[in-house]
Amino acid sequence: MALNKKGSRRITVDGIEYRWRIRRKPSYTQGLCWTPLTYAVEAASGSEPGTTLIVTSDQVHPSSWVGAEAVPIRPAHVAASIREARDRGWKPTKAGAPLQLDRSAEFIALP
């Protein structure tokens, strides 16, 4: 599965270029702040799509419907997620199923 280039941002981590993207509209559960924000990362180079990394953050979606205060996902957070996923065996240029990385330990859902 390849990321849509429109709306994605580029980041270079340890000399390798990646693209990452946050879903523009929240899912139903993200809109109600029941589940945290997720974003996708993939290698930016190569003609064939590789494995996508799906990161579950500990933040609410910035477009949530209940007006919860959102902290932006910064490039440093994305870079740390990429490094952690690579340490866990993520191969961004190899084809395969998406890798799920859960970093939501401190997320508190709103009732």
PDB file of N, CA and C in Angstrom:
ATOM      1  N   MET A   1       0.839  -1.170   0.000  1.00  0.00           N
ATOM      2  CA  MET A   1       0.000   0.000   0.000  1.00  0.00           C
ATOM      3  C   MET A   1       0.889   1.239   0.000  1.00  0.00           C
ATOM      4  N   ALA A   2       0.659   2.134  -0.923  1.00  0.00           N
ATOM      5  CA  ALA A   2       1.466   3.343  -1.027  1.00  0.00           C
ATOM      6  C   ALA A   2       0.705   4.533  -0.453  1.00  0.00           C
ATOM      7  N   LEU A   3       1.450   5.433   0.155  1.00  0.00           N
ATOM      8  CA  LEU A   3       0.852   6.654   0.677  1.00  0.00           C
ATOM      9  C   LEU A   3       0.527   7.599  -0.462  1.00  0.00           C
ATOM     10  N   ASN A   4      -0.528   8.349  -0.297  1.00  0.00           N
ATOM     11  CA  ASN A   4      -0.848   9.399  -1.242  1.00  0.00           C
ATOM     12  C   ASN A   4       0.203  10.493  -1.087  1.00  0.00           C
ATOM     13  N   LYS A   5       0.835  10.903  -2.176  1.00  0.00           N
ATOM     14  CA  LYS A   5       1.881  11.915  -2.080  1.00  0.00           C
ATOM     15  C   LYS A   5       1.324  13.273  -1.677  1.00  0.00           C
ATOM     16  N   LYS A   6       0.089  13.548  -2.083  1.00  0.00           N
ATOM     17  CA  LYS A   6      -0.520  14.820  -1.731  1.00  0.00           C
ATOM     18  C   LYS A   6      -0.791  14.837  -0.228  1.00  0.00           C
ATOM     19  N   GLY A   7      -0.279  15.840   0.430  1.00  0.00           N
ATOM     20  CA  GLY A   7      -0.486  15.963   1.860  1.00  0.00           C
ATOM     21  C   GLY A   7       0.561  15.271   2.706  1.00  0.00           C
ATOM     22  N   SER A   8       1.489  14.559   2.073  1.00  0.00           N
ATOM     23  CA  SER A   8       2.529  13.885   2.858  1.00  0.00           C
ATOM     24  C   SER A   8       3.719  14.824   3.039  1.00  0.00           C
ATOM     25  N   ARG A   9       4.486  14.559   4.067  1.00  0.00           N
ATOM     26  CA  ARG A   9       5.680  15.350   4.365  1.00  0.00           C
ATOM     27  C   ARG A   9       6.901  14.455   4.265  1.00  0.00           C
ATOM     28  N   ARG A  10       8.002  15.029   3.871  1.00  0.00           N
ATOM     29  CA  ARG A  10       9.257  14.281   3.766  1.00  0.00           C
ATOM     30  C   ARG A  10      10.089  14.479   5.028  1.00  0.00           C
ATOM     31  N   ILE A  11      10.810  13.416   5.377  1.00  0.00           N
ATOM     32  CA  ILE A  11      11.724  13.469   6.513  1.00  0.00           C
ATOM     33  C   ILE A  11      12.900  12.551   6.192  1.00  0.00           C
ATOM     34  N   THR A  12      14.087  12.971   6.561  1.00  0.00           N
ATOM     35  CA  THR A  12      15.282  12.157   6.379  1.00  0.00           C
ATOM     36  C   THR A  12      15.756  11.695   7.751  1.00  0.00           C
ATOM     37  N   VAL A  13      15.881  10.377   7.898  1.00  0.00           N
ATOM     38  CA  VAL A  13      16.319   9.780   9.164  1.00  0.00           C
ATOM     39  C   VAL A  13      17.515   8.890   8.862  1.00  0.00           C
ATOM     40  N   ASP A  14      18.647   9.223   9.452  1.00  0.00           N
ATOM     41  CA  ASP A  14      19.880   8.457   9.278  1.00  0.00           C
ATOM     42  C   ASP A  14      20.216   8.266   7.804  1.00  0.00           C
ATOM     43  N   GLY A  15      20.022   9.324   6.996  1.00  0.00           N
ATOM     44  CA  GLY A  15      20.393   9.295   5.580  1.00  0.00           C
ATOM     45  C   GLY A  15      19.368   8.659   4.655  1.00  0.00           C
ATOM     46  N   ILE A  16      18.249   8.192   5.167  1.00  0.00           N
ATOM     47  CA  ILE A  16      17.209   7.572   4.344  1.00  0.00           C
ATOM     48  C   ILE A  16      15.996   8.498   4.343  1.00  0.00           C
ATOM     49  N   GLU A  17      15.439   8.723   3.145  1.00  0.00           N
ATOM     50  CA  GLU A  17      14.297   9.626   3.031  1.00  0.00           C
ATOM     51  C   GLU A  17      12.983   8.846   3.133  1.00  0.00           C
ATOM     52  N   TYR A  18      12.062   9.406   3.914  1.00  0.00           N
ATOM     53  CA  TYR A  18      10.745   8.809   4.134  1.00  0.00           C
ATOM     54  C   TYR A  18       9.671   9.862   3.850  1.00  0.00           C
ATOM     55  N   ARG A  19       8.449   9.385   3.675  1.00  0.00           N
ATOM     56  CA  ARG A  19       7.274  10.250   3.617  1.00  0.00           C
ATOM     57  C   ARG A  19       6.348   9.827   4.746  1.00  0.00           C
ATOM     58  N   TRP A  20       5.718  10.797   5.377  1.00  0.00           N
ATOM     59  CA  TRP A  20       4.749  10.481   6.422  1.00  0.00           C
ATOM     60  C   TRP A  20       3.516  11.346   6.240  1.00  0.00           C
ATOM     61  N   ARG A  21       2.393  10.838   6.707  1.00  0.00           N
ATOM     62  CA  ARG A  21       1.131  11.517   6.485  1.00  0.00           C
ATOM     63  C   ARG A  21       0.145  11.207   7.601  1.00  0.00           C
ATOM     64  N   ILE A  22      -0.557  12.250   8.028  1.00  0.00           N
ATOM     65  CA  ILE A  22      -1.643  12.110   8.982  1.00  0.00           C
ATOM     66  C   ILE A  22      -2.942  12.182   8.191  1.00  0.00           C
ATOM     67  N   ARG A  23      -3.869  11.319   8.524  1.00  0.00           N
ATOM     68  CA  ARG A  23      -5.171  11.357   7.869  1.00  0.00           C
ATOM     69  C   ARG A  23      -5.818  12.714   8.122  1.00  0.00           C
ATOM     70  N   ARG A  24      -6.290  13.352   7.057  1.00  0.00           N
ATOM     71  CA  ARG A  24      -6.824  14.698   7.159  1.00  0.00           C
ATOM     72  C   ARG A  24      -8.067  14.774   8.037  1.00  0.00           C
ATOM     73  N   LYS A  25      -8.988  13.868   7.822  1.00  0.00           N
ATOM     74  CA  LYS A  25     -10.209  13.834   8.626  1.00  0.00           C
ATOM     75  C   LYS A  25     -10.078  12.719   9.663  1.00  0.00           C
ATOM     76  N   PRO A  26     -10.519  12.981  10.883  1.00  0.00           N
ATOM     77  CA  PRO A  26     -10.422  11.921  11.890  1.00  0.00           C
ATOM     78  C   PRO A  26     -11.437  10.815  11.622  1.00  0.00           C
ATOM     79  N   SER A  27     -11.097   9.611  12.054  1.00  0.00           N
ATOM     80  CA  SER A  27     -12.090   8.541  12.036  1.00  0.00           C
ATOM     81  C   SER A  27     -13.153   8.889  13.086  1.00  0.00           C
ATOM     82  N   TYR A  28     -14.235   8.140  13.106  1.00  0.00           N
ATOM     83  CA  TYR A  28     -15.311   8.424  14.069  1.00  0.00           C
ATOM     84  C   TYR A  28     -14.783   8.388  15.505  1.00  0.00           C
ATOM     85  N   THR A  29     -14.026   7.351  15.832  1.00  0.00           N
ATOM     86  CA  THR A  29     -13.536   7.228  17.213  1.00  0.00           C
ATOM     87  C   THR A  29     -12.454   8.263  17.527  1.00  0.00           C
ATOM     88  N   GLN A  30     -11.672   8.672  16.527  1.00  0.00           N
ATOM     89  CA  GLN A  30     -10.690   9.738  16.746  1.00  0.00           C
ATOM     90  C   GLN A  30     -11.391  11.083  16.917  1.00  0.00           C
ATOM     91  N   GLY A  31     -12.468  11.302  16.169  1.00  0.00           N
ATOM     92  CA  GLY A  31     -13.219  12.544  16.275  1.00  0.00           C
ATOM     93  C   GLY A  31     -13.827  12.736  17.651  1.00  0.00           C
ATOM     94  N   LEU A  32     -14.195  11.642  18.297  1.00  0.00           N
ATOM     95  CA  LEU A  32     -14.760  11.695  19.650  1.00  0.00           C
ATOM     96  C   LEU A  32     -13.687  11.548  20.733  1.00  0.00           C
ATOM     97  N   CYS A  33     -12.434  11.461  20.340  1.00  0.00           N
ATOM     98  CA  CYS A  33     -11.285  11.316  21.257  1.00  0.00           C
ATOM     99  C   CYS A  33     -11.336  10.023  22.045  1.00  0.00           C
ATOM    100  N   TRP A  34     -11.872   8.975  21.444  1.00  0.00           N
ATOM    101  CA  TRP A  34     -11.870   7.659  22.063  1.00  0.00           C
ATOM    102  C   TRP A  34     -10.603   6.900  21.722  1.00  0.00           C
ATOM    103  N   THR A  35     -10.025   7.191  20.557  1.00  0.00           N
ATOM    104  CA  THR A  35      -8.780   6.552  20.126  1.00  0.00           C
ATOM    105  C   THR A  35      -7.794   7.635  19.703  1.00  0.00           C
ATOM    106  N   PRO A  36      -6.505   7.350  19.797  1.00  0.00           N
ATOM    107  CA  PRO A  36      -5.504   8.365  19.470  1.00  0.00           C
ATOM    108  C   PRO A  36      -5.264   8.514  17.967  1.00  0.00           C
ATOM    109  N   LEU A  37      -4.555   9.559  17.649  1.00  0.00           N
ATOM    110  CA  LEU A  37      -4.140   9.870  16.292  1.00  0.00           C
ATOM    111  C   LEU A  37      -3.189   8.800  15.764  1.00  0.00           C
ATOM    112  N   THR A  38      -3.343   8.440  14.508  1.00  0.00           N
ATOM    113  CA  THR A  38      -2.402   7.535  13.850  1.00  0.00           C
ATOM    114  C   THR A  38      -1.848   8.230  12.620  1.00  0.00           C
ATOM    115  N   TYR A  39      -0.640   7.841  12.241  1.00  0.00           N
ATOM    116  CA  TYR A  39      -0.060   8.351  10.999  1.00  0.00           C
ATOM    117  C   TYR A  39       0.718   7.232  10.341  1.00  0.00           C
ATOM    118  N   ALA A  40       0.930   7.391   9.036  1.00  0.00           N
ATOM    119  CA  ALA A  40       1.603   6.368   8.246  1.00  0.00           C
ATOM    120  C   ALA A  40       2.941   6.893   7.742  1.00  0.00           C
ATOM    121  N   VAL A  41       3.910   5.986   7.639  1.00  0.00           N
ATOM    122  CA  VAL A  41       5.258   6.311   7.165  1.00  0.00           C
ATOM    123  C   VAL A  41       5.659   5.268   6.140  1.00  0.00           C
ATOM    124  N   GLU A  42       6.360   5.710   5.085  1.00  0.00           N
ATOM    125  CA  GLU A  42       6.927   4.781   4.113  1.00  0.00           C
ATOM    126  C   GLU A  42       8.212   5.361   3.554  1.00  0.00           C
ATOM    127  N   ALA A  43       9.037   4.510   2.964  1.00  0.00           N
ATOM    128  CA  ALA A  43      10.264   4.964   2.318  1.00  0.00           C
ATOM    129  C   ALA A  43       9.879   5.789   1.096  1.00  0.00           C
ATOM    130  N   ALA A  44      10.564   6.908   0.882  1.00  0.00           N
ATOM    131  CA  ALA A  44      10.221   7.805  -0.228  1.00  0.00           C
ATOM    132  C   ALA A  44      10.889   7.396  -1.526  1.00  0.00           C
ATOM    133  N   SER A  45      11.953   6.625  -1.468  1.00  0.00           N
ATOM    134  CA  SER A  45      12.659   6.246  -2.682  1.00  0.00           C
ATOM    135  C   SER A  45      12.203   4.875  -3.168  1.00  0.00           C
ATOM    136  N   GLY A  46      12.512   4.599  -4.410  1.00  0.00           N
ATOM    137  CA  GLY A  46      12.157   3.300  -4.967  1.00  0.00           C
ATOM    138  C   GLY A  46      10.887   3.369  -5.792  1.00  0.00           C
ATOM    139  N   SER A  47      10.845   2.583  -6.847  1.00  0.00           N
ATOM    140  CA  SER A  47       9.682   2.597  -7.721  1.00  0.00           C
ATOM    141  C   SER A  47       8.570   1.680  -7.200  1.00  0.00           C
ATOM    142  N   GLU A  48       8.929   0.682  -6.424  1.00  0.00           N
ATOM    143  CA  GLU A  48       7.947  -0.247  -5.851  1.00  0.00           C
ATOM    144  C   GLU A  48       7.643   0.141  -4.409  1.00  0.00           C
ATOM    145  N   PRO A  49       6.366   0.146  -4.034  1.00  0.00           N
ATOM    146  CA  PRO A  49       6.052   0.463  -2.632  1.00  0.00           C
ATOM    147  C   PRO A  49       6.539  -0.643  -1.703  1.00  0.00           C
ATOM    148  N   GLY A  50       7.050  -0.236  -0.572  1.00  0.00           N
ATOM    149  CA  GLY A  50       7.510  -1.202   0.424  1.00  0.00           C
ATOM    150  C   GLY A  50       6.477  -1.360   1.523  1.00  0.00           C
ATOM    151  N   THR A  51       6.951  -1.706   2.693  1.00  0.00           N
ATOM    152  CA  THR A  51       6.083  -1.901   3.842  1.00  0.00           C
ATOM    153  C   THR A  51       5.774  -0.555   4.486  1.00  0.00           C
ATOM    154  N   THR A  52       4.531  -0.344   4.818  1.00  0.00           N
ATOM    155  CA  THR A  52       4.100   0.886   5.476  1.00  0.00           C
ATOM    156  C   THR A  52       4.171   0.694   6.989  1.00  0.00           C
ATOM    157  N   LEU A  53       4.574   1.739   7.673  1.00  0.00           N
ATOM    158  CA  LEU A  53       4.596   1.761   9.129  1.00  0.00           C
ATOM    159  C   LEU A  53       3.389   2.570   9.591  1.00  0.00           C
ATOM    160  N   ILE A  54       2.558   1.989  10.435  1.00  0.00           N
ATOM    161  CA  ILE A  54       1.405   2.677  10.998  1.00  0.00           C
ATOM    162  C   ILE A  54       1.708   2.941  12.473  1.00  0.00           C
ATOM    163  N   VAL A  55       1.802   4.217  12.832  1.00  0.00           N
ATOM    164  CA  VAL A  55       2.159   4.607  14.190  1.00  0.00           C
ATOM    165  C   VAL A  55       0.922   5.131  14.906  1.00  0.00           C
ATOM    166  N   THR A  56       0.633   4.554  16.050  1.00  0.00           N
ATOM    167  CA  THR A  56      -0.434   5.049  16.923  1.00  0.00           C
ATOM    168  C   THR A  56       0.232   5.931  17.972  1.00  0.00           C
ATOM    169  N   SER A  57      -0.086   7.216  17.926  1.00  0.00           N
ATOM    170  CA  SER A  57       0.551   8.166  18.840  1.00  0.00           C
ATOM    171  C   SER A  57      -0.202   8.227  20.168  1.00  0.00           C
ATOM    172  N   ASP A  58       0.240   9.121  21.035  1.00  0.00           N
ATOM    173  CA  ASP A  58      -0.454   9.328  22.307  1.00  0.00           C
ATOM    174  C   ASP A  58      -1.196  10.663  22.304  1.00  0.00           C
ATOM    175  N   GLN A  59      -1.493  11.188  21.109  1.00  0.00           N
ATOM    176  CA  GLN A  59      -2.146  12.484  20.957  1.00  0.00           C
ATOM    177  C   GLN A  59      -3.545  12.332  20.374  1.00  0.00           C
ATOM    178  N   VAL A  60      -4.382  13.338  20.593  1.00  0.00           N
ATOM    179  CA  VAL A  60      -5.692  13.358  19.945  1.00  0.00           C
ATOM    180  C   VAL A  60      -5.527  13.928  18.540  1.00  0.00           C
ATOM    181  N   HIS A  61      -6.469  13.613  17.665  1.00  0.00           N
ATOM    182  CA  HIS A  61      -6.441  14.144  16.301  1.00  0.00           C
ATOM    183  C   HIS A  61      -6.706  15.650  16.372  1.00  0.00           C
ATOM    184  N   PRO A  62      -5.954  16.467  15.616  1.00  0.00           N
ATOM    185  CA  PRO A  62      -6.154  17.916  15.696  1.00  0.00           C
ATOM    186  C   PRO A  62      -7.531  18.373  15.222  1.00  0.00           C
ATOM    187  N   SER A  63      -8.227  17.549  14.467  1.00  0.00           N
ATOM    188  CA  SER A  63      -9.568  17.907  13.991  1.00  0.00           C
ATOM    189  C   SER A  63     -10.663  17.175  14.767  1.00  0.00           C
ATOM    190  N   SER A  64     -10.388  16.849  16.019  1.00  0.00           N
ATOM    191  CA  SER A  64     -11.410  16.145  16.819  1.00  0.00           C
ATOM    192  C   SER A  64     -12.624  17.037  16.983  1.00  0.00           C
ATOM    193  N   TRP A  65     -13.768  16.419  17.156  1.00  0.00           N
ATOM    194  CA  TRP A  65     -15.034  17.139  17.191  1.00  0.00           C
ATOM    195  C   TRP A  65     -15.376  17.686  18.555  1.00  0.00           C
ATOM    196  N   VAL A  66     -14.684  17.265  19.579  1.00  0.00           N
ATOM    197  CA  VAL A  66     -15.051  17.673  20.940  1.00  0.00           C
ATOM    198  C   VAL A  66     -14.200  18.827  21.463  1.00  0.00           C
ATOM    199  N   GLY A  67     -13.318  19.349  20.629  1.00  0.00           N
ATOM    200  CA  GLY A  67     -12.523  20.505  21.023  1.00  0.00           C
ATOM    201  C   GLY A  67     -11.392  20.210  21.976  1.00  0.00           C
ATOM    202  N   ALA A  68     -10.930  18.981  22.014  1.00  0.00           N
ATOM    203  CA  ALA A  68      -9.805  18.638  22.881  1.00  0.00           C
ATOM    204  C   ALA A  68      -8.530  19.296  22.344  1.00  0.00           C
ATOM    205  N   GLU A  69      -7.669  19.696  23.250  1.00  0.00           N
ATOM    206  CA  GLU A  69      -6.432  20.346  22.843  1.00  0.00           C
ATOM    207  C   GLU A  69      -5.484  19.308  22.243  1.00  0.00           C
ATOM    208  N   ALA A  70      -5.038  19.575  21.029  1.00  0.00           N
ATOM    209  CA  ALA A  70      -4.142  18.655  20.326  1.00  0.00           C
ATOM    210  C   ALA A  70      -2.725  19.210  20.337  1.00  0.00           C
ATOM    211  N   VAL A  71      -1.776  18.341  20.597  1.00  0.00           N
ATOM    212  CA  VAL A  71      -0.362  18.686  20.505  1.00  0.00           C
ATOM    213  C   VAL A  71       0.116  18.191  19.144  1.00  0.00           C
ATOM    214  N   PRO A  72       0.777  19.039  18.364  1.00  0.00           N
ATOM    215  CA  PRO A  72       1.175  18.607  17.027  1.00  0.00           C
ATOM    216  C   PRO A  72       2.201  17.467  17.052  1.00  0.00           C
ATOM    217  N   ILE A  73       2.112  16.623  16.038  1.00  0.00           N
ATOM    218  CA  ILE A  73       3.131  15.588  15.848  1.00  0.00           C
ATOM    219  C   ILE A  73       4.314  16.259  15.166  1.00  0.00           C
ATOM    220  N   ARG A  74       5.435  16.243  15.812  1.00  0.00           N
ATOM    221  CA  ARG A  74       6.624  16.922  15.289  1.00  0.00           C
ATOM    222  C   ARG A  74       7.525  15.925  14.556  1.00  0.00           C
ATOM    223  N   PRO A  75       8.361  16.442  13.655  1.00  0.00           N
ATOM    224  CA  PRO A  75       9.280  15.558  12.942  1.00  0.00           C
ATOM    225  C   PRO A  75      10.170  14.723  13.877  1.00  0.00           C
ATOM    226  N   ALA A  76      10.528  15.248  15.030  1.00  0.00           N
ATOM    227  CA  ALA A  76      11.335  14.478  15.980  1.00  0.00           C
ATOM    228  C   ALA A  76      10.575  13.246  16.462  1.00  0.00           C
ATOM    229  N   HIS A  77       9.262  13.360  16.658  1.00  0.00           N
ATOM    230  CA  HIS A  77       8.433  12.229  17.065  1.00  0.00           C
ATOM    231  C   HIS A  77       8.401  11.192  15.956  1.00  0.00           C
ATOM    232  N   VAL A  78       8.261  11.650  14.722  1.00  0.00           N
ATOM    233  CA  VAL A  78       8.229  10.737  13.572  1.00  0.00           C
ATOM    234  C   VAL A  78       9.576  10.025  13.435  1.00  0.00           C
ATOM    235  N   ALA A  79      10.667  10.768  13.558  1.00  0.00           N
ATOM    236  CA  ALA A  79      12.006  10.175  13.447  1.00  0.00           C
ATOM    237  C   ALA A  79      12.230   9.129  14.533  1.00  0.00           C
ATOM    238  N   ALA A  80      11.811   9.417  15.762  1.00  0.00           N
ATOM    239  CA  ALA A  80      11.962   8.452  16.851  1.00  0.00           C
ATOM    240  C   ALA A  80      11.134   7.195  16.580  1.00  0.00           C
ATOM    241  N   SER A  81       9.952   7.365  16.014  1.00  0.00           N
ATOM    242  CA  SER A  81       9.108   6.211  15.671  1.00  0.00           C
ATOM    243  C   SER A  81       9.758   5.364  14.589  1.00  0.00           C
ATOM    244  N   ILE A  82      10.343   6.016  13.602  1.00  0.00           N
ATOM    245  CA  ILE A  82      11.021   5.292  12.521  1.00  0.00           C
ATOM    246  C   ILE A  82      12.197   4.488  13.072  1.00  0.00           C
ATOM    247  N   ARG A  83      12.983   5.111  13.924  1.00  0.00           N
ATOM    248  CA  ARG A  83      14.134   4.404  14.510  1.00  0.00           C
ATOM    249  C   ARG A  83      13.692   3.216  15.363  1.00  0.00           C
ATOM    250  N   GLU A  84      12.633   3.413  16.157  1.00  0.00           N
ATOM    251  CA  GLU A  84      12.126   2.322  16.986  1.00  0.00           C
ATOM    252  C   GLU A  84      11.608   1.174  16.119  1.00  0.00           C
ATOM    253  N   ALA A  85      10.901   1.506  15.056  1.00  0.00           N
ATOM    254  CA  ALA A  85      10.368   0.467  14.166  1.00  0.00           C
ATOM    255  C   ALA A  85      11.491  -0.288  13.468  1.00  0.00           C
ATOM    256  N   ARG A  86      12.530   0.422  13.046  1.00  0.00           N
ATOM    257  CA  ARG A  86      13.672  -0.263  12.417  1.00  0.00           C
ATOM    258  C   ARG A  86      14.379  -1.161  13.418  1.00  0.00           C
ATOM    259  N   ASP A  87      14.478  -0.722  14.666  1.00  0.00           N
ATOM    260  CA  ASP A  87      15.074  -1.569  15.707  1.00  0.00           C
ATOM    261  C   ASP A  87      14.253  -2.833  15.945  1.00  0.00           C
ATOM    262  N   ARG A  88      12.956  -2.742  15.707  1.00  0.00           N
ATOM    263  CA  ARG A  88      12.059  -3.899  15.879  1.00  0.00           C
ATOM    264  C   ARG A  88      11.968  -4.755  14.618  1.00  0.00           C
ATOM    265  N   GLY A  89      12.722  -4.379  13.579  1.00  0.00           N
ATOM    266  CA  GLY A  89      12.766  -5.222  12.391  1.00  0.00           C
ATOM    267  C   GLY A  89      12.016  -4.709  11.179  1.00  0.00           C
ATOM    268  N   TRP A  90      11.528  -3.488  11.210  1.00  0.00           N
ATOM    269  CA  TRP A  90      10.813  -2.934  10.062  1.00  0.00           C
ATOM    270  C   TRP A  90      11.773  -2.739   8.900  1.00  0.00           C
ATOM    271  N   LYS A  91      11.428  -3.278   7.753  1.00  0.00           N
ATOM    272  CA  LYS A  91      12.199  -3.126   6.518  1.00  0.00           C
ATOM    273  C   LYS A  91      11.353  -2.295   5.558  1.00  0.00           C
ATOM    274  N   PRO A  92      11.556  -0.974   5.497  1.00  0.00           N
ATOM    275  CA  PRO A  92      10.677  -0.106   4.718  1.00  0.00           C
ATOM    276  C   PRO A  92      10.711  -0.339   3.213  1.00  0.00           C
ATOM    277  N   THR A  93      11.759  -0.950   2.688  1.00  0.00           N
ATOM    278  CA  THR A  93      11.843  -1.156   1.240  1.00  0.00           C
ATOM    279  C   THR A  93      11.382  -2.541   0.811  1.00  0.00           C
ATOM    280  N   LYS A  94      11.113  -3.415   1.749  1.00  0.00           N
ATOM    281  CA  LYS A  94      10.647  -4.766   1.431  1.00  0.00           C
ATOM    282  C   LYS A  94       9.120  -4.803   1.416  1.00  0.00           C
ATOM    283  N   ALA A  95       8.565  -5.548   0.481  1.00  0.00           N
ATOM    284  CA  ALA A  95       7.106  -5.686   0.413  1.00  0.00           C
ATOM    285  C   ALA A  95       6.622  -6.525   1.589  1.00  0.00           C
ATOM    286  N   GLY A  96       5.434  -6.236   2.042  1.00  0.00           N
ATOM    287  CA  GLY A  96       4.868  -7.003   3.144  1.00  0.00           C
ATOM    288  C   GLY A  96       3.707  -6.278   3.779  1.00  0.00           C
ATOM    289  N   ALA A  97       3.168  -6.880   4.809  1.00  0.00           N
ATOM    290  CA  ALA A  97       2.042  -6.295   5.539  1.00  0.00           C
ATOM    291  C   ALA A  97       2.515  -5.087   6.340  1.00  0.00           C
ATOM    292  N   PRO A  98       1.642  -4.101   6.551  1.00  0.00           N
ATOM    293  CA  PRO A  98       2.022  -2.935   7.350  1.00  0.00           C
ATOM    294  C   PRO A  98       2.434  -3.322   8.768  1.00  0.00           C
ATOM    295  N   LEU A  99       3.411  -2.610   9.286  1.00  0.00           N
ATOM    296  CA  LEU A  99       3.860  -2.827  10.664  1.00  0.00           C
ATOM    297  C   LEU A  99       3.150  -1.824  11.555  1.00  0.00           C
ATOM    298  N   GLN A 100       2.556  -2.302  12.636  1.00  0.00           N
ATOM    299  CA  GLN A 100       1.866  -1.454  13.607  1.00  0.00           C
ATOM    300  C   GLN A 100       2.829  -1.135  14.755  1.00  0.00           C
ATOM    301  N   LEU A 101       2.993   0.150  15.040  1.00  0.00           N
ATOM    302  CA  LEU A 101       3.827   0.586  16.157  1.00  0.00           C
ATOM    303  C   LEU A 101       2.939   1.385  17.108  1.00  0.00           C
ATOM    304  N   ASP A 102       2.744   0.872  18.306  1.00  0.00           N
ATOM    305  CA  ASP A 102       1.857   1.507  19.277  1.00  0.00           C
ATOM    306  C   ASP A 102       2.671   2.331  20.261  1.00  0.00           C
ATOM    307  N   ARG A 103       2.497   3.645  20.205  1.00  0.00           N
ATOM    308  CA  ARG A 103       3.164   4.553  21.130  1.00  0.00           C
ATOM    309  C   ARG A 103       2.125   5.331  21.934  1.00  0.00           C
ATOM    310  N   SER A 104       1.002   4.674  22.215  1.00  0.00           N
ATOM    311  CA  SER A 104      -0.125   5.349  22.855  1.00  0.00           C
ATOM    312  C   SER A 104      -0.244   5.080  24.352  1.00  0.00           C
ATOM    313  N   ALA A 105       0.825   4.702  24.990  1.00  0.00           N
ATOM    314  CA  ALA A 105       0.762   4.307  26.405  1.00  0.00           C
ATOM    315  C   ALA A 105       0.184   5.379  27.303  1.00  0.00           C
ATOM    316  N   GLU A 106       0.395   6.651  26.976  1.00  0.00           N
ATOM    317  CA  GLU A 106      -0.075   7.725  27.857  1.00  0.00           C
ATOM    318  C   GLU A 106      -1.356   8.384  27.364  1.00  0.00           C
ATOM    319  N   PHE A 107      -1.997   7.807  26.345  1.00  0.00           N
ATOM    320  CA  PHE A 107      -3.243   8.370  25.818  1.00  0.00           C
ATOM    321  C   PHE A 107      -4.383   8.099  26.783  1.00  0.00           C
ATOM    322  N   ILE A 108      -5.169   9.140  27.068  1.00  0.00           N
ATOM    323  CA  ILE A 108      -6.341   8.992  27.922  1.00  0.00           C
ATOM    324  C   ILE A 108      -7.559   9.357  27.083  1.00  0.00           C
ATOM    325  N   ALA A 109      -8.427   8.380  26.875  1.00  0.00           N
ATOM    326  CA  ALA A 109      -9.625   8.593  26.073  1.00  0.00           C
ATOM    327  C   ALA A 109     -10.625   9.458  26.843  1.00  0.00           C
ATOM    328  N   LEU A 110     -11.318  10.297  26.096  1.00  0.00           N
ATOM    329  CA  LEU A 110     -12.370  11.098  26.711  1.00  0.00           C
ATOM    330  C   LEU A 110     -13.647  10.272  26.776  1.00  0.00           C
ATOM    331  N   PRO A 111     -14.431  10.441  27.832  1.00  0.00           N
ATOM    332  CA  PRO A 111     -15.675   9.660  27.962  1.00  0.00           C
ATOM    333  C   PRO A 111     -16.740  10.107  26.981  1.00  0.00           C
TER     334      PRO A 111
END
